[in-house]
């Protein structure tokens, strides 16, 4: 009986630390997003942006990716949460033509692996410019 109680307590402790870690990651992502968009105003959403060597993704979390284009930052709220999308993983984007567009697909590759994760899709791109 005591063993079952201990196992339950340890399992509950594992869940607590896991939920605390997720909350910490959410807090850090919110701070990163606020820092990047500080002093900027959202513009009219666009379905596509130019795909050039100067537009590199900055992953905020599994829901938001930013692209910097000169002084403008494009915010993309993904169509749905993208599993495994973290700042440390690689995005493999399937580009159709010379633009990144809403509903274009990408996959995530984790370091040390050779098989990318499931497909994820971009949402609309919202420009943020300095006031």
N, C-alpha and C. Protein backbone atom coordinates (compact mmCIF):
# COMPACT_ATOMS: atom_id res chain seq x y z
N UNK A 1 0.82 -1.19 0.00
CA UNK A 1 0.00 0.00 0.00
C UNK A 1 0.87 1.26 0.00
N UNK A 2 1.88 1.26 0.85
CA UNK A 2 2.77 2.41 0.94
C UNK A 2 3.48 2.63 -0.38
N UNK A 3 3.88 1.55 -1.07
CA UNK A 3 4.56 1.65 -2.35
C UNK A 3 3.66 2.31 -3.38
N UNK A 4 2.39 1.94 -3.42
CA UNK A 4 1.44 2.52 -4.37
C UNK A 4 1.29 4.02 -4.10
N UNK A 5 1.21 4.39 -2.83
CA UNK A 5 1.08 5.80 -2.47
C UNK A 5 2.32 6.59 -2.91
N UNK A 6 3.50 6.02 -2.69
CA UNK A 6 4.75 6.68 -3.09
C UNK A 6 4.83 6.85 -4.60
N UNK A 7 4.42 5.81 -5.34
CA UNK A 7 4.44 5.88 -6.80
C UNK A 7 3.49 6.98 -7.28
N UNK A 8 2.32 7.07 -6.67
CA UNK A 8 1.36 8.12 -7.03
C UNK A 8 1.90 9.51 -6.73
N UNK A 9 2.55 9.66 -5.60
CA UNK A 9 3.13 10.95 -5.23
C UNK A 9 4.24 11.34 -6.19
N UNK A 10 5.06 10.38 -6.57
CA UNK A 10 6.14 10.68 -7.51
C UNK A 10 5.58 11.04 -8.89
N UNK A 11 4.54 10.35 -9.32
CA UNK A 11 3.92 10.67 -10.60
C UNK A 11 3.34 12.07 -10.57
N UNK A 12 2.67 12.41 -9.48
CA UNK A 12 2.09 13.75 -9.35
C UNK A 12 3.18 14.81 -9.33
N UNK A 13 4.28 14.55 -8.66
CA UNK A 13 5.40 15.49 -8.62
C UNK A 13 5.96 15.69 -10.02
N UNK A 14 6.04 14.63 -10.82
CA UNK A 14 6.52 14.74 -12.20
C UNK A 14 5.60 15.61 -13.02
N UNK A 15 4.29 15.49 -12.84
CA UNK A 15 3.34 16.32 -13.58
C UNK A 15 3.48 17.78 -13.19
N UNK A 16 3.68 18.01 -11.90
CA UNK A 16 3.81 19.38 -11.43
C UNK A 16 5.03 20.05 -12.04
N UNK A 17 6.16 19.36 -12.04
CA UNK A 17 7.36 19.98 -12.60
C UNK A 17 7.21 20.16 -14.11
N UNK A 18 6.53 19.24 -14.77
CA UNK A 18 6.29 19.36 -16.21
C UNK A 18 5.40 20.56 -16.50
N UNK A 19 4.34 20.73 -15.72
CA UNK A 19 3.45 21.87 -15.95
C UNK A 19 4.16 23.18 -15.59
N UNK A 20 5.00 23.14 -14.56
CA UNK A 20 5.78 24.34 -14.21
C UNK A 20 6.74 24.69 -15.34
N UNK A 21 7.34 23.66 -15.96
CA UNK A 21 8.25 23.91 -17.08
C UNK A 21 7.51 24.51 -18.27
N UNK A 22 6.33 23.98 -18.58
CA UNK A 22 5.54 24.53 -19.69
C UNK A 22 5.15 25.98 -19.41
N UNK A 23 4.77 26.26 -18.17
CA UNK A 23 4.40 27.63 -17.81
C UNK A 23 5.60 28.56 -17.93
N UNK A 24 6.76 28.09 -17.53
CA UNK A 24 7.98 28.88 -17.66
C UNK A 24 8.30 29.16 -19.13
N UNK A 25 8.12 28.15 -19.99
CA UNK A 25 8.35 28.33 -21.42
C UNK A 25 7.37 29.33 -22.01
N UNK A 26 6.11 29.27 -21.59
CA UNK A 26 5.10 30.23 -22.07
C UNK A 26 5.45 31.65 -21.65
N UNK A 27 5.90 31.80 -20.41
CA UNK A 27 6.28 33.12 -19.90
C UNK A 27 7.48 33.67 -20.67
N UNK A 28 8.45 32.81 -20.92
CA UNK A 28 9.64 33.22 -21.68
C UNK A 28 9.27 33.61 -23.12
N UNK A 29 8.39 32.84 -23.75
CA UNK A 29 7.95 33.14 -25.11
C UNK A 29 7.21 34.47 -25.17
N UNK A 30 6.35 34.72 -24.19
CA UNK A 30 5.61 35.99 -24.14
C UNK A 30 6.58 37.17 -23.98
N UNK A 31 7.60 36.99 -23.15
CA UNK A 31 8.60 38.06 -22.96
C UNK A 31 9.40 38.29 -24.24
N UNK A 32 9.78 37.21 -24.94
CA UNK A 32 10.51 37.34 -26.21
C UNK A 32 9.67 38.08 -27.24
N UNK A 33 8.39 37.73 -27.35
CA UNK A 33 7.50 38.38 -28.31
C UNK A 33 7.34 39.85 -27.98
N UNK A 34 7.11 40.17 -26.71
CA UNK A 34 6.96 41.57 -26.30
C UNK A 34 8.22 42.36 -26.60
N UNK A 35 9.39 41.78 -26.35
CA UNK A 35 10.65 42.47 -26.60
C UNK A 35 10.83 42.75 -28.10
N UNK A 36 10.53 41.78 -28.95
CA UNK A 36 10.69 41.93 -30.39
C UNK A 36 9.72 42.95 -30.99
N UNK A 37 8.50 43.00 -30.47
CA UNK A 37 7.48 43.89 -31.05
C UNK A 37 7.33 45.21 -30.30
N UNK A 38 8.16 45.43 -29.27
CA UNK A 38 8.09 46.65 -28.48
C UNK A 38 8.28 47.89 -29.36
N UNK A 39 7.37 48.85 -29.23
CA UNK A 39 7.46 50.09 -29.98
C UNK A 39 6.99 49.97 -31.42
N UNK A 40 6.34 48.89 -31.75
CA UNK A 40 5.86 48.67 -33.12
C UNK A 40 4.34 48.60 -33.15
N UNK A 41 3.80 48.94 -34.30
CA UNK A 41 2.35 48.91 -34.50
C UNK A 41 2.03 47.91 -35.60
N UNK A 42 0.97 47.11 -35.37
CA UNK A 42 0.55 46.12 -36.35
C UNK A 42 -0.09 46.81 -37.55
N UNK A 43 0.20 46.30 -38.74
CA UNK A 43 -0.39 46.81 -39.97
C UNK A 43 -1.42 45.84 -40.51
N UNK A 44 -1.76 46.01 -41.78
CA UNK A 44 -2.75 45.17 -42.44
C UNK A 44 -2.15 43.80 -42.75
N UNK A 45 -2.82 42.72 -42.35
CA UNK A 45 -2.30 41.37 -42.62
C UNK A 45 -2.15 41.12 -44.12
N UNK A 46 -1.18 40.29 -44.46
CA UNK A 46 -0.93 39.91 -45.86
C UNK A 46 -0.91 38.39 -45.95
N UNK A 47 -1.27 37.88 -47.11
CA UNK A 47 -1.25 36.44 -47.31
C UNK A 47 0.14 35.92 -47.65
N UNK A 48 1.02 36.78 -48.20
CA UNK A 48 2.37 36.35 -48.60
C UNK A 48 3.39 37.43 -48.26
N UNK A 49 4.63 36.99 -48.05
CA UNK A 49 5.76 37.91 -47.91
C UNK A 49 6.88 37.40 -48.82
N UNK A 50 7.82 38.30 -49.12
CA UNK A 50 8.96 37.92 -49.96
C UNK A 50 9.81 36.88 -49.24
N UNK A 51 10.32 35.94 -49.99
CA UNK A 51 11.23 34.95 -49.42
C UNK A 51 12.63 35.26 -49.93
N UNK A 52 13.41 35.90 -49.10
CA UNK A 52 14.77 36.25 -49.50
C UNK A 52 15.73 35.80 -48.42
N UNK A 53 17.01 35.95 -48.69
CA UNK A 53 18.01 35.53 -47.72
C UNK A 53 17.98 36.39 -46.47
N UNK A 54 17.36 37.57 -46.55
CA UNK A 54 17.31 38.44 -45.39
C UNK A 54 16.12 38.14 -44.48
N UNK A 55 15.21 37.30 -44.92
CA UNK A 55 14.06 36.96 -44.08
C UNK A 55 14.29 35.61 -43.43
N UNK A 56 14.77 35.64 -42.20
CA UNK A 56 15.03 34.42 -41.46
C UNK A 56 14.00 34.27 -40.35
N UNK A 57 13.56 33.05 -40.10
CA UNK A 57 12.55 32.86 -39.05
C UNK A 57 13.12 32.99 -37.65
N UNK A 58 12.33 33.55 -36.76
CA UNK A 58 12.63 33.56 -35.34
C UNK A 58 11.44 32.87 -34.67
N UNK A 59 11.66 31.71 -34.16
CA UNK A 59 10.60 30.94 -33.53
C UNK A 59 10.37 31.47 -32.12
N UNK A 60 9.13 31.85 -31.84
CA UNK A 60 8.76 32.29 -30.50
C UNK A 60 8.28 31.09 -29.68
N UNK A 61 7.35 30.36 -30.23
CA UNK A 61 6.85 29.13 -29.61
C UNK A 61 6.18 28.29 -30.67
N UNK A 62 5.41 27.29 -30.28
CA UNK A 62 4.80 26.40 -31.26
C UNK A 62 3.62 27.03 -32.00
N UNK A 63 3.34 28.29 -31.71
CA UNK A 63 2.23 29.00 -32.35
C UNK A 63 2.67 30.20 -33.19
N UNK A 64 3.83 30.79 -32.88
CA UNK A 64 4.22 32.07 -33.48
C UNK A 64 5.64 32.03 -34.03
N UNK A 65 5.78 32.53 -35.27
CA UNK A 65 7.09 32.67 -35.92
C UNK A 65 7.18 34.12 -36.42
N UNK A 66 8.34 34.75 -36.22
CA UNK A 66 8.58 36.10 -36.71
C UNK A 66 9.59 36.05 -37.85
N UNK A 67 9.38 36.95 -38.83
CA UNK A 67 10.35 37.13 -39.91
C UNK A 67 10.74 38.60 -39.92
N UNK A 68 12.02 38.87 -39.98
CA UNK A 68 12.53 40.24 -40.01
C UNK A 68 12.88 40.58 -41.46
N UNK A 69 12.38 41.72 -41.92
CA UNK A 69 12.64 42.18 -43.29
C UNK A 69 13.00 43.66 -43.22
N UNK A 70 14.29 43.95 -43.18
CA UNK A 70 14.72 45.33 -42.98
C UNK A 70 14.26 45.78 -41.60
N UNK A 71 13.55 46.91 -41.54
CA UNK A 71 13.03 47.43 -40.27
C UNK A 71 11.67 46.87 -39.90
N UNK A 72 11.11 46.07 -40.75
CA UNK A 72 9.78 45.51 -40.53
C UNK A 72 9.89 44.09 -39.96
N UNK A 73 8.98 43.78 -39.06
CA UNK A 73 8.88 42.42 -38.54
C UNK A 73 7.52 41.87 -38.95
N UNK A 74 7.53 40.68 -39.53
CA UNK A 74 6.29 40.00 -39.91
C UNK A 74 5.99 38.94 -38.85
N UNK A 75 4.82 39.03 -38.25
CA UNK A 75 4.38 38.04 -37.27
C UNK A 75 3.46 37.04 -37.96
N UNK A 76 3.72 35.76 -37.74
CA UNK A 76 2.86 34.74 -38.29
C UNK A 76 2.33 33.87 -37.16
N UNK A 77 1.02 33.93 -36.97
CA UNK A 77 0.35 33.04 -36.03
C UNK A 77 -0.05 31.81 -36.84
N UNK A 78 0.58 30.70 -36.57
CA UNK A 78 0.39 29.50 -37.37
C UNK A 78 -1.08 29.06 -37.37
N UNK A 79 -1.45 28.31 -38.41
CA UNK A 79 -2.83 27.84 -38.54
C UNK A 79 -3.22 26.96 -37.35
N UNK A 80 -2.28 26.24 -36.79
CA UNK A 80 -2.48 25.41 -35.59
C UNK A 80 -1.13 25.25 -34.91
N UNK A 81 -1.15 24.82 -33.67
CA UNK A 81 0.11 24.59 -32.95
C UNK A 81 0.96 23.60 -33.73
N UNK A 82 2.26 23.85 -33.77
CA UNK A 82 3.19 22.99 -34.51
C UNK A 82 4.05 22.21 -33.52
N UNK A 83 3.79 20.90 -33.40
CA UNK A 83 4.57 20.10 -32.45
C UNK A 83 6.07 20.19 -32.75
N UNK A 84 6.85 20.23 -31.71
CA UNK A 84 8.32 20.26 -31.78
C UNK A 84 8.90 21.58 -32.26
N UNK A 85 8.08 22.57 -32.56
CA UNK A 85 8.62 23.85 -33.02
C UNK A 85 9.14 24.62 -31.82
N UNK A 86 10.47 24.72 -31.74
CA UNK A 86 11.13 25.47 -30.68
C UNK A 86 12.24 26.28 -31.33
N UNK A 87 12.77 27.27 -30.63
CA UNK A 87 13.86 28.08 -31.20
C UNK A 87 15.10 27.28 -31.58
N UNK A 88 15.28 26.09 -31.04
CA UNK A 88 16.50 25.32 -31.27
C UNK A 88 16.37 24.29 -32.38
N UNK A 89 15.18 24.12 -32.93
CA UNK A 89 14.97 23.15 -34.00
C UNK A 89 14.99 23.85 -35.35
N UNK A 90 15.15 23.08 -36.42
CA UNK A 90 15.25 23.63 -37.77
C UNK A 90 13.91 23.53 -38.49
N UNK A 91 13.51 24.63 -39.12
CA UNK A 91 12.29 24.62 -39.94
C UNK A 91 12.67 24.28 -41.37
N UNK A 92 12.00 23.31 -41.96
CA UNK A 92 12.19 22.95 -43.37
C UNK A 92 10.94 23.43 -44.09
N UNK A 93 11.07 24.55 -44.80
CA UNK A 93 9.92 25.20 -45.43
C UNK A 93 9.82 24.78 -46.90
N UNK A 94 8.63 24.42 -47.31
CA UNK A 94 8.36 24.10 -48.72
C UNK A 94 7.89 25.39 -49.40
N UNK A 95 8.79 26.02 -50.13
CA UNK A 95 8.49 27.31 -50.77
C UNK A 95 7.98 27.06 -52.18
N UNK A 96 6.83 27.64 -52.49
CA UNK A 96 6.25 27.56 -53.83
C UNK A 96 6.46 28.92 -54.49
N UNK A 97 7.41 29.05 -55.40
CA UNK A 97 7.70 30.35 -56.00
C UNK A 97 8.63 31.15 -55.12
N UNK A 98 8.58 32.45 -55.21
CA UNK A 98 9.50 33.32 -54.49
C UNK A 98 8.93 33.93 -53.24
N UNK A 99 7.80 33.40 -52.74
CA UNK A 99 7.18 33.98 -51.56
C UNK A 99 6.84 32.91 -50.53
N UNK A 100 6.74 33.35 -49.28
CA UNK A 100 6.16 32.52 -48.23
C UNK A 100 4.72 32.96 -48.11
N UNK A 101 3.81 32.01 -48.14
CA UNK A 101 2.39 32.36 -48.14
C UNK A 101 1.60 31.61 -47.08
N UNK A 102 0.47 32.18 -46.76
CA UNK A 102 -0.49 31.54 -45.87
C UNK A 102 -0.78 30.14 -46.42
N UNK A 103 -0.84 29.18 -45.54
CA UNK A 103 -1.09 27.77 -45.86
C UNK A 103 0.11 27.05 -46.47
N UNK A 104 1.25 27.73 -46.71
CA UNK A 104 2.45 27.01 -47.12
C UNK A 104 2.83 26.08 -45.97
N UNK A 105 3.42 24.95 -46.32
CA UNK A 105 3.74 23.94 -45.32
C UNK A 105 5.21 23.96 -44.95
N UNK A 106 5.48 23.50 -43.73
CA UNK A 106 6.84 23.30 -43.28
C UNK A 106 6.86 22.17 -42.28
N UNK A 107 8.04 21.64 -42.04
CA UNK A 107 8.23 20.59 -41.05
C UNK A 107 9.37 21.01 -40.12
N UNK A 108 9.46 20.36 -39.00
CA UNK A 108 10.48 20.68 -38.00
C UNK A 108 11.42 19.49 -37.85
N UNK A 109 12.72 19.80 -37.84
CA UNK A 109 13.75 18.78 -37.66
C UNK A 109 14.48 19.07 -36.36
N UNK A 110 14.46 18.09 -35.46
CA UNK A 110 15.14 18.24 -34.19
C UNK A 110 16.62 17.85 -34.35
N UNK A 111 17.52 18.51 -33.62
CA UNK A 111 18.94 18.16 -33.71
C UNK A 111 19.15 16.68 -33.38
N UNK A 112 20.01 16.05 -34.16
CA UNK A 112 20.32 14.65 -33.93
C UNK A 112 19.34 13.67 -34.56
N UNK A 113 18.32 14.17 -35.25
CA UNK A 113 17.36 13.29 -35.91
C UNK A 113 17.45 13.48 -37.42
N UNK A 114 16.93 12.52 -38.16
CA UNK A 114 16.94 12.62 -39.62
C UNK A 114 15.54 12.63 -40.21
N UNK A 115 14.54 12.37 -39.39
CA UNK A 115 13.16 12.35 -39.87
C UNK A 115 12.43 13.56 -39.31
N UNK A 116 11.96 14.46 -40.19
CA UNK A 116 11.25 15.64 -39.70
C UNK A 116 9.88 15.28 -39.12
N UNK A 117 9.35 16.19 -38.34
CA UNK A 117 8.04 16.00 -37.72
C UNK A 117 6.91 16.19 -38.72
N UNK A 118 5.68 16.27 -38.22
CA UNK A 118 4.52 16.41 -39.10
C UNK A 118 4.50 17.77 -39.79
N UNK A 119 3.68 17.88 -40.83
CA UNK A 119 3.55 19.15 -41.53
C UNK A 119 2.81 20.17 -40.67
N UNK A 120 3.25 21.41 -40.77
CA UNK A 120 2.61 22.54 -40.11
C UNK A 120 2.33 23.57 -41.20
N UNK A 121 1.40 24.50 -40.94
CA UNK A 121 1.04 25.50 -41.95
C UNK A 121 1.12 26.91 -41.39
N UNK A 122 1.56 27.82 -42.26
CA UNK A 122 1.59 29.23 -41.89
C UNK A 122 0.19 29.81 -41.89
N UNK A 123 -0.01 30.83 -41.07
CA UNK A 123 -1.23 31.63 -41.09
C UNK A 123 -0.95 32.91 -41.86
N UNK A 124 -1.74 33.95 -41.61
CA UNK A 124 -1.49 35.24 -42.27
C UNK A 124 -0.27 35.90 -41.65
N UNK A 125 0.37 36.75 -42.45
CA UNK A 125 1.54 37.50 -42.00
C UNK A 125 1.11 38.92 -41.66
N UNK A 126 1.40 39.34 -40.42
CA UNK A 126 1.03 40.68 -39.96
C UNK A 126 2.30 41.51 -39.82
N UNK A 127 2.38 42.65 -40.57
CA UNK A 127 3.58 43.49 -40.46
C UNK A 127 3.55 44.35 -39.20
N UNK A 128 4.70 44.50 -38.56
CA UNK A 128 4.85 45.40 -37.43
C UNK A 128 5.95 46.38 -37.78
N UNK A 129 5.60 47.68 -37.68
CA UNK A 129 6.55 48.76 -38.01
C UNK A 129 6.71 49.66 -36.80
N UNK A 130 7.84 50.36 -36.76
CA UNK A 130 8.08 51.34 -35.68
C UNK A 130 7.04 52.46 -35.77
N UNK A 131 6.69 52.99 -34.63
CA UNK A 131 5.71 54.10 -34.56
C UNK A 131 6.25 55.32 -35.24
